[in-house]
Amino acid sequence: MKEKVKRILDHMSQDFGGTSLKGYIENPDGSFELETELSQFGHSTLLKYEATADKEMFRVEIIHTFGYVDVRISPDIAAGQLLRMLAHNTGSFARLLRL
């Protein structure tokens, strides 16, 4: 099952312009830390999965931890950063469903 998840992540990170996934690192517990365009703001995304008993399907859990908004910059730019983070947070798993 881990190889199937890796193939999906590889495909998504190579899909130029289709997703914001830039890469990933496998954690010792089998989860994956995803690198996205929002990682530059300290935003982290963790992907966990578990397979059904028959290994025909798997459940994916995506955990987003918001980073920061640089308050030293103008409020307009900071608000834009926050809105960009929120906008990219929606539908994060929709692409997986089409694969």
PDB file of N, CA and C in Angstrom:
ATOM      1  N   MET A   1       0.828  -1.190   0.000  1.00  0.00           N
ATOM      2  CA  MET A   1       0.000   0.000   0.000  1.00  0.00           C
ATOM      3  C   MET A   1       0.873   1.254   0.000  1.00  0.00           C
ATOM      4  N   LYS A   2       1.996   1.202   0.730  1.00  0.00           N
ATOM      5  CA  LYS A   2       2.883   2.361   0.787  1.00  0.00           C
ATOM      6  C   LYS A   2       3.382   2.739  -0.611  1.00  0.00           C
ATOM      7  N   GLU A   3       3.679   1.743  -1.422  1.00  0.00           N
ATOM      8  CA  GLU A   3       4.164   2.017  -2.779  1.00  0.00           C
ATOM      9  C   GLU A   3       3.086   2.686  -3.637  1.00  0.00           C
ATOM     10  N   LYS A   4       1.837   2.305  -3.428  1.00  0.00           N
ATOM     11  CA  LYS A   4       0.734   2.930  -4.160  1.00  0.00           C
ATOM     12  C   LYS A   4       0.608   4.408  -3.781  1.00  0.00           C
ATOM     13  N   VAL A   5       0.704   4.706  -2.491  1.00  0.00           N
ATOM     14  CA  VAL A   5       0.640   6.090  -2.031  1.00  0.00           C
ATOM     15  C   VAL A   5       1.822   6.876  -2.589  1.00  0.00           C
ATOM     16  N   LYS A   6       3.023   6.276  -2.590  1.00  0.00           N
ATOM     17  CA  LYS A   6       4.197   6.944  -3.142  1.00  0.00           C
ATOM     18  C   LYS A   6       4.029   7.235  -4.635  1.00  0.00           C
ATOM     19  N   ARG A   7       3.453   6.302  -5.379  1.00  0.00           N
ATOM     20  CA  ARG A   7       3.224   6.527  -6.814  1.00  0.00           C
ATOM     21  C   ARG A   7       2.286   7.710  -7.031  1.00  0.00           C
ATOM     22  N   ILE A   8       1.250   7.798  -6.206  1.00  0.00           N
ATOM     23  CA  ILE A   8       0.310   8.926  -6.313  1.00  0.00           C
ATOM     24  C   ILE A   8       1.024  10.238  -6.002  1.00  0.00           C
ATOM     25  N   LEU A   9       1.810  10.243  -4.930  1.00  0.00           N
ATOM     26  CA  LEU A   9       2.540  11.458  -4.562  1.00  0.00           C
ATOM     27  C   LEU A   9       3.573  11.838  -5.622  1.00  0.00           C
ATOM     28  N   ASP A  10       4.259  10.841  -6.181  1.00  0.00           N
ATOM     29  CA  ASP A  10       5.219  11.112  -7.261  1.00  0.00           C
ATOM     30  C   ASP A  10       4.507  11.736  -8.454  1.00  0.00           C
ATOM     31  N   HIS A  11       3.378  11.168  -8.816  1.00  0.00           N
ATOM     32  CA  HIS A  11       2.609  11.691  -9.949  1.00  0.00           C
ATOM     33  C   HIS A  11       2.155  13.123  -9.683  1.00  0.00           C
ATOM     34  N   MET A  12       1.662  13.374  -8.490  1.00  0.00           N
ATOM     35  CA  MET A  12       1.183  14.714  -8.158  1.00  0.00           C
ATOM     36  C   MET A  12       2.317  15.729  -8.119  1.00  0.00           C
ATOM     37  N   SER A  13       3.493  15.336  -7.646  1.00  0.00           N
ATOM     38  CA  SER A  13       4.595  16.287  -7.565  1.00  0.00           C
ATOM     39  C   SER A  13       5.227  16.542  -8.929  1.00  0.00           C
ATOM     40  N   GLN A  14       4.991  15.662  -9.906  1.00  0.00           N
ATOM     41  CA  GLN A  14       5.527  15.843 -11.255  1.00  0.00           C
ATOM     42  C   GLN A  14       4.502  16.432 -12.212  1.00  0.00           C
ATOM     43  N   ASP A  15       3.289  16.598 -11.767  1.00  0.00           N
ATOM     44  CA  ASP A  15       2.217  17.125 -12.601  1.00  0.00           C
ATOM     45  C   ASP A  15       2.362  18.643 -12.677  1.00  0.00           C
ATOM     46  N   PHE A  16       3.153  19.103 -13.598  1.00  0.00           N
ATOM     47  CA  PHE A  16       3.535  20.508 -13.693  1.00  0.00           C
ATOM     48  C   PHE A  16       2.321  21.415 -13.800  1.00  0.00           C
ATOM     49  N   GLY A  17       2.160  22.258 -12.787  1.00  0.00           N
ATOM     50  CA  GLY A  17       1.073  23.222 -12.775  1.00  0.00           C
ATOM     51  C   GLY A  17      -0.257  22.678 -12.288  1.00  0.00           C
ATOM     52  N   GLY A  18      -0.392  21.381 -12.136  1.00  0.00           N
ATOM     53  CA  GLY A  18      -1.670  20.808 -11.753  1.00  0.00           C
ATOM     54  C   GLY A  18      -1.940  20.806 -10.257  1.00  0.00           C
ATOM     55  N   THR A  19      -0.882  20.717  -9.462  1.00  0.00           N
ATOM     56  CA  THR A  19      -1.033  20.728  -8.009  1.00  0.00           C
ATOM     57  C   THR A  19       0.051  21.610  -7.414  1.00  0.00           C
ATOM     58  N   SER A  20      -0.095  21.912  -6.152  1.00  0.00           N
ATOM     59  CA  SER A  20       0.946  22.708  -5.488  1.00  0.00           C
ATOM     60  C   SER A  20       1.947  21.810  -4.769  1.00  0.00           C
ATOM     61  N   LEU A  21       1.856  20.490  -4.947  1.00  0.00           N
ATOM     62  CA  LEU A  21       2.781  19.566  -4.300  1.00  0.00           C
ATOM     63  C   LEU A  21       4.133  19.628  -4.996  1.00  0.00           C
ATOM     64  N   LYS A  22       5.164  19.968  -4.241  1.00  0.00           N
ATOM     65  CA  LYS A  22       6.515  20.088  -4.786  1.00  0.00           C
ATOM     66  C   LYS A  22       7.366  18.861  -4.491  1.00  0.00           C
ATOM     67  N   GLY A  23       7.027  18.131  -3.445  1.00  0.00           N
ATOM     68  CA  GLY A  23       7.775  16.958  -3.056  1.00  0.00           C
ATOM     69  C   GLY A  23       7.268  16.435  -1.724  1.00  0.00           C
ATOM     70  N   TYR A  24       7.920  15.403  -1.223  1.00  0.00           N
ATOM     71  CA  TYR A  24       7.504  14.812   0.049  1.00  0.00           C
ATOM     72  C   TYR A  24       8.660  14.074   0.685  1.00  0.00           C
ATOM     73  N   ILE A  25       8.532  13.870   1.982  1.00  0.00           N
ATOM     74  CA  ILE A  25       9.503  13.090   2.754  1.00  0.00           C
ATOM     75  C   ILE A  25       8.717  12.061   3.547  1.00  0.00           C
ATOM     76  N   GLU A  26       9.174  10.820   3.490  1.00  0.00           N
ATOM     77  CA  GLU A  26       8.519   9.765   4.274  1.00  0.00           C
ATOM     78  C   GLU A  26       9.035   9.814   5.705  1.00  0.00           C
ATOM     79  N   ASN A  27       8.128   9.828   6.649  1.00  0.00           N
ATOM     80  CA  ASN A  27       8.470   9.820   8.075  1.00  0.00           C
ATOM     81  C   ASN A  27       8.641   8.384   8.565  1.00  0.00           C
ATOM     82  N   PRO A  28       9.364   8.182   9.658  1.00  0.00           N
ATOM     83  CA  PRO A  28       9.567   6.826  10.193  1.00  0.00           C
ATOM     84  C   PRO A  28       8.266   6.082  10.513  1.00  0.00           C
ATOM     85  N   ASP A  29       7.192   6.826  10.849  1.00  0.00           N
ATOM     86  CA  ASP A  29       5.928   6.164  11.177  1.00  0.00           C
ATOM     87  C   ASP A  29       5.102   5.810   9.942  1.00  0.00           C
ATOM     88  N   GLY A  30       5.636   6.065   8.739  1.00  0.00           N
ATOM     89  CA  GLY A  30       4.916   5.730   7.512  1.00  0.00           C
ATOM     90  C   GLY A  30       4.091   6.874   6.951  1.00  0.00           C
ATOM     91  N   SER A  31       3.967   7.971   7.675  1.00  0.00           N
ATOM     92  CA  SER A  31       3.254   9.137   7.153  1.00  0.00           C
ATOM     93  C   SER A  31       4.202   9.912   6.232  1.00  0.00           C
ATOM     94  N   PHE A  32       3.676  10.920   5.575  1.00  0.00           N
ATOM     95  CA  PHE A  32       4.472  11.716   4.650  1.00  0.00           C
ATOM     96  C   PHE A  32       4.325  13.196   4.977  1.00  0.00           C
ATOM     97  N   GLU A  33       5.444  13.900   5.013  1.00  0.00           N
ATOM     98  CA  GLU A  33       5.451  15.353   5.149  1.00  0.00           C
ATOM     99  C   GLU A  33       5.499  15.897   3.724  1.00  0.00           C
ATOM    100  N   LEU A  34       4.478  16.677   3.355  1.00  0.00           N
ATOM    101  CA  LEU A  34       4.377  17.180   1.998  1.00  0.00           C
ATOM    102  C   LEU A  34       4.975  18.580   1.900  1.00  0.00           C
ATOM    103  N   GLU A  35       5.717  18.819   0.833  1.00  0.00           N
ATOM    104  CA  GLU A  35       6.247  20.152   0.569  1.00  0.00           C
ATOM    105  C   GLU A  35       5.358  20.804  -0.480  1.00  0.00           C
ATOM    106  N   THR A  36       4.817  21.960  -0.144  1.00  0.00           N
ATOM    107  CA  THR A  36       3.947  22.692  -1.065  1.00  0.00           C
ATOM    108  C   THR A  36       4.482  24.107  -1.225  1.00  0.00           C
ATOM    109  N   GLU A  37       3.843  24.877  -2.075  1.00  0.00           N
ATOM    110  CA  GLU A  37       4.267  26.262  -2.249  1.00  0.00           C
ATOM    111  C   GLU A  37       4.050  27.080  -0.980  1.00  0.00           C
ATOM    112  N   LEU A  38       3.235  26.574  -0.065  1.00  0.00           N
ATOM    113  CA  LEU A  38       2.985  27.282   1.189  1.00  0.00           C
ATOM    114  C   LEU A  38       3.995  26.941   2.277  1.00  0.00           C
ATOM    115  N   SER A  39       4.879  25.979   2.005  1.00  0.00           N
ATOM    116  CA  SER A  39       5.900  25.604   2.980  1.00  0.00           C
ATOM    117  C   SER A  39       6.808  26.779   3.305  1.00  0.00           C
ATOM    118  N   GLN A  40       6.958  27.698   2.370  1.00  0.00           N
ATOM    119  CA  GLN A  40       7.817  28.869   2.600  1.00  0.00           C
ATOM    120  C   GLN A  40       7.309  29.744   3.741  1.00  0.00           C
ATOM    121  N   PHE A  41       6.027  29.597   4.091  1.00  0.00           N
ATOM    122  CA  PHE A  41       5.445  30.367   5.190  1.00  0.00           C
ATOM    123  C   PHE A  41       5.366  29.550   6.476  1.00  0.00           C
ATOM    124  N   GLY A  42       6.059  28.419   6.523  1.00  0.00           N
ATOM    125  CA  GLY A  42       6.014  27.577   7.709  1.00  0.00           C
ATOM    126  C   GLY A  42       4.790  26.676   7.762  1.00  0.00           C
ATOM    127  N   HIS A  43       4.001  26.672   6.695  1.00  0.00           N
ATOM    128  CA  HIS A  43       2.800  25.842   6.608  1.00  0.00           C
ATOM    129  C   HIS A  43       3.251  24.400   6.391  1.00  0.00           C
ATOM    130  N   SER A  44       2.739  23.473   7.168  1.00  0.00           N
ATOM    131  CA  SER A  44       3.123  22.074   6.964  1.00  0.00           C
ATOM    132  C   SER A  44       1.880  21.230   6.696  1.00  0.00           C
ATOM    133  N   THR A  45       2.094  20.202   5.900  1.00  0.00           N
ATOM    134  CA  THR A  45       1.014  19.292   5.540  1.00  0.00           C
ATOM    135  C   THR A  45       1.496  17.873   5.765  1.00  0.00           C
ATOM    136  N   LEU A  46       0.754  17.132   6.564  1.00  0.00           N
ATOM    137  CA  LEU A  46       1.089  15.751   6.883  1.00  0.00           C
ATOM    138  C   LEU A  46       0.027  14.845   6.278  1.00  0.00           C
ATOM    139  N   LEU A  47       0.457  13.810   5.574  1.00  0.00           N
ATOM    140  CA  LEU A  47      -0.466  12.849   4.979  1.00  0.00           C
ATOM    141  C   LEU A  47      -0.291  11.510   5.677  1.00  0.00           C
ATOM    142  N   LYS A  48      -1.382  11.003   6.233  1.00  0.00           N
ATOM    143  CA  LYS A  48      -1.404   9.670   6.843  1.00  0.00           C
ATOM    144  C   LYS A  48      -2.405   8.829   6.065  1.00  0.00           C
ATOM    145  N   TYR A  49      -2.219   7.537   6.052  1.00  0.00           N
ATOM    146  CA  TYR A  49      -3.152   6.654   5.346  1.00  0.00           C
ATOM    147  C   TYR A  49      -3.251   5.325   6.080  1.00  0.00           C
ATOM    148  N   GLU A  50      -4.352   4.646   5.848  1.00  0.00           N
ATOM    149  CA  GLU A  50      -4.503   3.287   6.363  1.00  0.00           C
ATOM    150  C   GLU A  50      -5.335   2.493   5.369  1.00  0.00           C
ATOM    151  N   ALA A  51      -4.928   1.262   5.155  1.00  0.00           N
ATOM    152  CA  ALA A  51      -5.602   0.404   4.192  1.00  0.00           C
ATOM    153  C   ALA A  51      -6.724  -0.387   4.854  1.00  0.00           C
ATOM    154  N   THR A  52      -7.720  -0.752   4.040  1.00  0.00           N
ATOM    155  CA  THR A  52      -8.760  -1.650   4.532  1.00  0.00           C
ATOM    156  C   THR A  52      -8.155  -3.039   4.678  1.00  0.00           C
ATOM    157  N   ALA A  53      -8.852  -3.930   5.343  1.00  0.00           N
ATOM    158  CA  ALA A  53      -8.332  -5.277   5.594  1.00  0.00           C
ATOM    159  C   ALA A  53      -8.000  -6.020   4.299  1.00  0.00           C
ATOM    160  N   ASP A  54      -8.803  -5.807   3.249  1.00  0.00           N
ATOM    161  CA  ASP A  54      -8.551  -6.505   1.983  1.00  0.00           C
ATOM    162  C   ASP A  54      -7.577  -5.762   1.061  1.00  0.00           C
ATOM    163  N   LYS A  55      -7.080  -4.619   1.520  1.00  0.00           N
ATOM    164  CA  LYS A  55      -6.105  -3.803   0.790  1.00  0.00           C
ATOM    165  C   LYS A  55      -6.641  -3.272  -0.545  1.00  0.00           C
ATOM    166  N   GLU A  56      -7.951  -3.246  -0.703  1.00  0.00           N
ATOM    167  CA  GLU A  56      -8.560  -2.739  -1.936  1.00  0.00           C
ATOM    168  C   GLU A  56      -8.747  -1.222  -1.910  1.00  0.00           C
ATOM    169  N   MET A  57      -8.872  -0.671  -0.740  1.00  0.00           N
ATOM    170  CA  MET A  57      -9.083   0.770  -0.600  1.00  0.00           C
ATOM    171  C   MET A  57      -8.226   1.266   0.554  1.00  0.00           C
ATOM    172  N   PHE A  58      -8.020   2.575   0.561  1.00  0.00           N
ATOM    173  CA  PHE A  58      -7.334   3.146   1.708  1.00  0.00           C
ATOM    174  C   PHE A  58      -7.933   4.501   2.047  1.00  0.00           C
ATOM    175  N   ARG A  59      -7.822   4.825   3.312  1.00  0.00           N
ATOM    176  CA  ARG A  59      -8.324   6.081   3.845  1.00  0.00           C
ATOM    177  C   ARG A  59      -7.144   7.027   3.982  1.00  0.00           C
ATOM    178  N   VAL A  60      -7.335   8.265   3.532  1.00  0.00           N
ATOM    179  CA  VAL A  60      -6.273   9.261   3.590  1.00  0.00           C
ATOM    180  C   VAL A  60      -6.673  10.354   4.570  1.00  0.00           C
ATOM    181  N   GLU A  61      -5.757  10.723   5.432  1.00  0.00           N
ATOM    182  CA  GLU A  61      -5.963  11.821   6.374  1.00  0.00           C
ATOM    183  C   GLU A  61      -4.910  12.882   6.068  1.00  0.00           C
ATOM    184  N   ILE A  62      -5.352  14.092   5.796  1.00  0.00           N
ATOM    185  CA  ILE A  62      -4.442  15.194   5.504  1.00  0.00           C
ATOM    186  C   ILE A  62      -4.568  16.217   6.626  1.00  0.00           C
ATOM    187  N   ILE A  63      -3.454  16.503   7.272  1.00  0.00           N
ATOM    188  CA  ILE A  63      -3.446  17.427   8.403  1.00  0.00           C
ATOM    189  C   ILE A  63      -2.643  18.657   8.004  1.00  0.00           C
ATOM    190  N   HIS A  64      -3.291  19.806   8.020  1.00  0.00           N
ATOM    191  CA  HIS A  64      -2.627  21.063   7.692  1.00  0.00           C
ATOM    192  C   HIS A  64      -2.340  21.820   8.983  1.00  0.00           C
ATOM    193  N   THR A  65      -1.132  22.285   9.102  1.00  0.00           N
ATOM    194  CA  THR A  65      -0.769  23.170  10.199  1.00  0.00           C
ATOM    195  C   THR A  65      -0.359  24.488   9.574  1.00  0.00           C
ATOM    196  N   PHE A  66      -1.146  25.517   9.848  1.00  0.00           N
ATOM    197  CA  PHE A  66      -0.850  26.808   9.261  1.00  0.00           C
ATOM    198  C   PHE A  66       0.423  27.371   9.840  1.00  0.00           C
ATOM    199  N   GLY A  67       1.191  28.004   8.984  1.00  0.00           N
ATOM    200  CA  GLY A  67       2.455  28.601   9.383  1.00  0.00           C
ATOM    201  C   GLY A  67       2.240  29.967   9.988  1.00  0.00           C
ATOM    202  N   TYR A  68       2.741  30.959   9.338  1.00  0.00           N
ATOM    203  CA  TYR A  68       2.688  32.300   9.894  1.00  0.00           C
ATOM    204  C   TYR A  68       2.400  33.318   8.802  1.00  0.00           C
ATOM    205  N   VAL A  69       1.973  34.453   9.216  1.00  0.00           N
ATOM    206  CA  VAL A  69       1.840  35.605   8.354  1.00  0.00           C
ATOM    207  C   VAL A  69       2.866  36.616   8.855  1.00  0.00           C
ATOM    208  N   ASP A  70       3.702  37.068   7.972  1.00  0.00           N
ATOM    209  CA  ASP A  70       4.761  38.010   8.350  1.00  0.00           C
ATOM    210  C   ASP A  70       4.140  39.366   8.672  1.00  0.00           C
ATOM    211  N   VAL A  71       4.055  39.704   9.948  1.00  0.00           N
ATOM    212  CA  VAL A  71       3.403  40.942  10.374  1.00  0.00           C
ATOM    213  C   VAL A  71       4.301  42.168  10.193  1.00  0.00           C
ATOM    214  N   ARG A  72       5.533  41.948   9.782  1.00  0.00           N
ATOM    215  CA  ARG A  72       6.434  43.079   9.545  1.00  0.00           C
ATOM    216  C   ARG A  72       6.195  43.721   8.183  1.00  0.00           C
ATOM    217  N   ILE A  73       5.388  43.078   7.353  1.00  0.00           N
ATOM    218  CA  ILE A  73       5.087  43.628   6.030  1.00  0.00           C
ATOM    219  C   ILE A  73       3.744  44.339   6.085  1.00  0.00           C
ATOM    220  N   SER A  74       3.398  44.999   5.017  1.00  0.00           N
ATOM    221  CA  SER A  74       2.152  45.775   5.025  1.00  0.00           C
ATOM    222  C   SER A  74       0.950  44.852   5.239  1.00  0.00           C
ATOM    223  N   PRO A  75      -0.088  45.354   5.884  1.00  0.00           N
ATOM    224  CA  PRO A  75      -1.281  44.539   6.139  1.00  0.00           C
ATOM    225  C   PRO A  75      -1.911  43.983   4.858  1.00  0.00           C
ATOM    226  N   ASP A  76      -1.844  44.714   3.758  1.00  0.00           N
ATOM    227  CA  ASP A  76      -2.415  44.223   2.499  1.00  0.00           C
ATOM    228  C   ASP A  76      -1.703  42.968   2.015  1.00  0.00           C
ATOM    229  N   ILE A  77      -0.377  42.986   2.088  1.00  0.00           N
ATOM    230  CA  ILE A  77       0.395  41.817   1.650  1.00  0.00           C
ATOM    231  C   ILE A  77       0.189  40.660   2.617  1.00  0.00           C
ATOM    232  N   ALA A  78       0.188  40.927   3.917  1.00  0.00           N
ATOM    233  CA  ALA A  78      -0.030  39.878   4.925  1.00  0.00           C
ATOM    234  C   ALA A  78      -1.404  39.237   4.742  1.00  0.00           C
ATOM    235  N   ALA A  79      -2.420  40.059   4.494  1.00  0.00           N
ATOM    236  CA  ALA A  79      -3.769  39.529   4.272  1.00  0.00           C
ATOM    237  C   ALA A  79      -3.794  38.672   3.009  1.00  0.00           C
ATOM    238  N   GLY A  80      -3.072  39.106   1.995  1.00  0.00           N
ATOM    239  CA  GLY A  80      -2.991  38.326   0.758  1.00  0.00           C
ATOM    240  C   GLY A  80      -2.361  36.963   0.996  1.00  0.00           C
ATOM    241  N   GLN A  81      -1.305  36.925   1.836  1.00  0.00           N
ATOM    242  CA  GLN A  81      -0.667  35.646   2.172  1.00  0.00           C
ATOM    243  C   GLN A  81      -1.645  34.720   2.878  1.00  0.00           C
ATOM    244  N   LEU A  82      -2.382  35.270   3.829  1.00  0.00           N
ATOM    245  CA  LEU A  82      -3.346  34.460   4.576  1.00  0.00           C
ATOM    246  C   LEU A  82      -4.445  33.938   3.648  1.00  0.00           C
ATOM    247  N   LEU A  83      -4.960  34.779   2.796  1.00  0.00           N
ATOM    248  CA  LEU A  83      -6.002  34.343   1.856  1.00  0.00           C
ATOM    249  C   LEU A  83      -5.466  33.285   0.894  1.00  0.00           C
ATOM    250  N   ARG A  84      -4.221  33.430   0.480  1.00  0.00           N
ATOM    251  CA  ARG A  84      -3.617  32.432  -0.407  1.00  0.00           C
ATOM    252  C   ARG A  84      -3.511  31.088   0.297  1.00  0.00           C
ATOM    253  N   MET A  85      -3.089  31.097   1.579  1.00  0.00           N
ATOM    254  CA  MET A  85      -3.017  29.849   2.342  1.00  0.00           C
ATOM    255  C   MET A  85      -4.387  29.198   2.464  1.00  0.00           C
ATOM    256  N   LEU A  86      -5.393  29.989   2.778  1.00  0.00           N
ATOM    257  CA  LEU A  86      -6.742  29.450   2.927  1.00  0.00           C
ATOM    258  C   LEU A  86      -7.284  28.928   1.599  1.00  0.00           C
ATOM    259  N   ALA A  87      -7.039  29.652   0.521  1.00  0.00           N
ATOM    260  CA  ALA A  87      -7.535  29.234  -0.791  1.00  0.00           C
ATOM    261  C   ALA A  87      -6.929  27.906  -1.216  1.00  0.00           C
ATOM    262  N   HIS A  88      -5.645  27.710  -0.935  1.00  0.00           N
ATOM    263  CA  HIS A  88      -4.989  26.453  -1.312  1.00  0.00           C
ATOM    264  C   HIS A  88      -5.357  25.307  -0.383  1.00  0.00           C
ATOM    265  N   ASN A  89      -5.971  25.607   0.734  1.00  0.00           N
ATOM    266  CA  ASN A  89      -6.362  24.577   1.690  1.00  0.00           C
ATOM    267  C   ASN A  89      -7.641  23.853   1.253  1.00  0.00           C
ATOM    268  N   THR A  90      -8.446  24.467   0.416  1.00  0.00           N
ATOM    269  CA  THR A  90      -9.710  23.861   0.004  1.00  0.00           C
ATOM    270  C   THR A  90      -9.484  22.840  -1.100  1.00  0.00           C
ATOM    271  N   GLY A  91     -10.210  21.753  -1.051  1.00  0.00           N
ATOM    272  CA  GLY A  91     -10.147  20.743  -2.106  1.00  0.00           C
ATOM    273  C   GLY A  91      -8.816  20.051  -2.244  1.00  0.00           C
ATOM    274  N   SER A  92      -8.049  19.972  -1.172  1.00  0.00           N
ATOM    275  CA  SER A  92      -6.700  19.422  -1.266  1.00  0.00           C
ATOM    276  C   SER A  92      -6.688  17.946  -1.654  1.00  0.00           C
ATOM    277  N   PHE A  93      -7.771  17.240  -1.421  1.00  0.00           N
ATOM    278  CA  PHE A  93      -7.797  15.816  -1.749  1.00  0.00           C
ATOM    279  C   PHE A  93      -8.548  15.541  -3.046  1.00  0.00           C
ATOM    280  N   ALA A  94      -9.151  16.538  -3.668  1.00  0.00           N
ATOM    281  CA  ALA A  94      -9.947  16.313  -4.877  1.00  0.00           C
ATOM    282  C   ALA A  94      -9.134  15.681  -5.980  1.00  0.00           C
ATOM    283  N   ARG A  95      -7.883  16.059  -6.123  1.00  0.00           N
ATOM    284  CA  ARG A  95      -7.022  15.513  -7.169  1.00  0.00           C
ATOM    285  C   ARG A  95      -6.786  14.008  -6.946  1.00  0.00           C
ATOM    286  N   LEU A  96      -6.656  13.590  -5.697  1.00  0.00           N
ATOM    287  CA  LEU A  96      -6.457  12.164  -5.407  1.00  0.00           C
ATOM    288  C   LEU A  96      -7.635  11.323  -5.899  1.00  0.00           C
ATOM    289  N   LEU A  97      -8.818  11.869  -5.809  1.00  0.00           N
ATOM    290  CA  LEU A  97     -10.006  11.119  -6.183  1.00  0.00           C
ATOM    291  C   LEU A  97     -10.079  10.861  -7.680  1.00  0.00           C
ATOM    292  N   ARG A  98      -9.422  11.691  -8.481  1.00  0.00           N
ATOM    293  CA  ARG A  98      -9.455  11.522  -9.930  1.00  0.00           C
ATOM    294  C   ARG A  98      -8.421  10.552 -10.440  1.00  0.00           C
ATOM    295  N   LEU A  99      -7.443  10.157  -9.602  1.00  0.00           N
ATOM    296  CA  LEU A  99      -6.376   9.245 -10.051  1.00  0.00           C
ATOM    297  C   LEU A  99      -6.826   7.827 -10.107  1.00  0.00           C
TER     298      LEU A  99
END
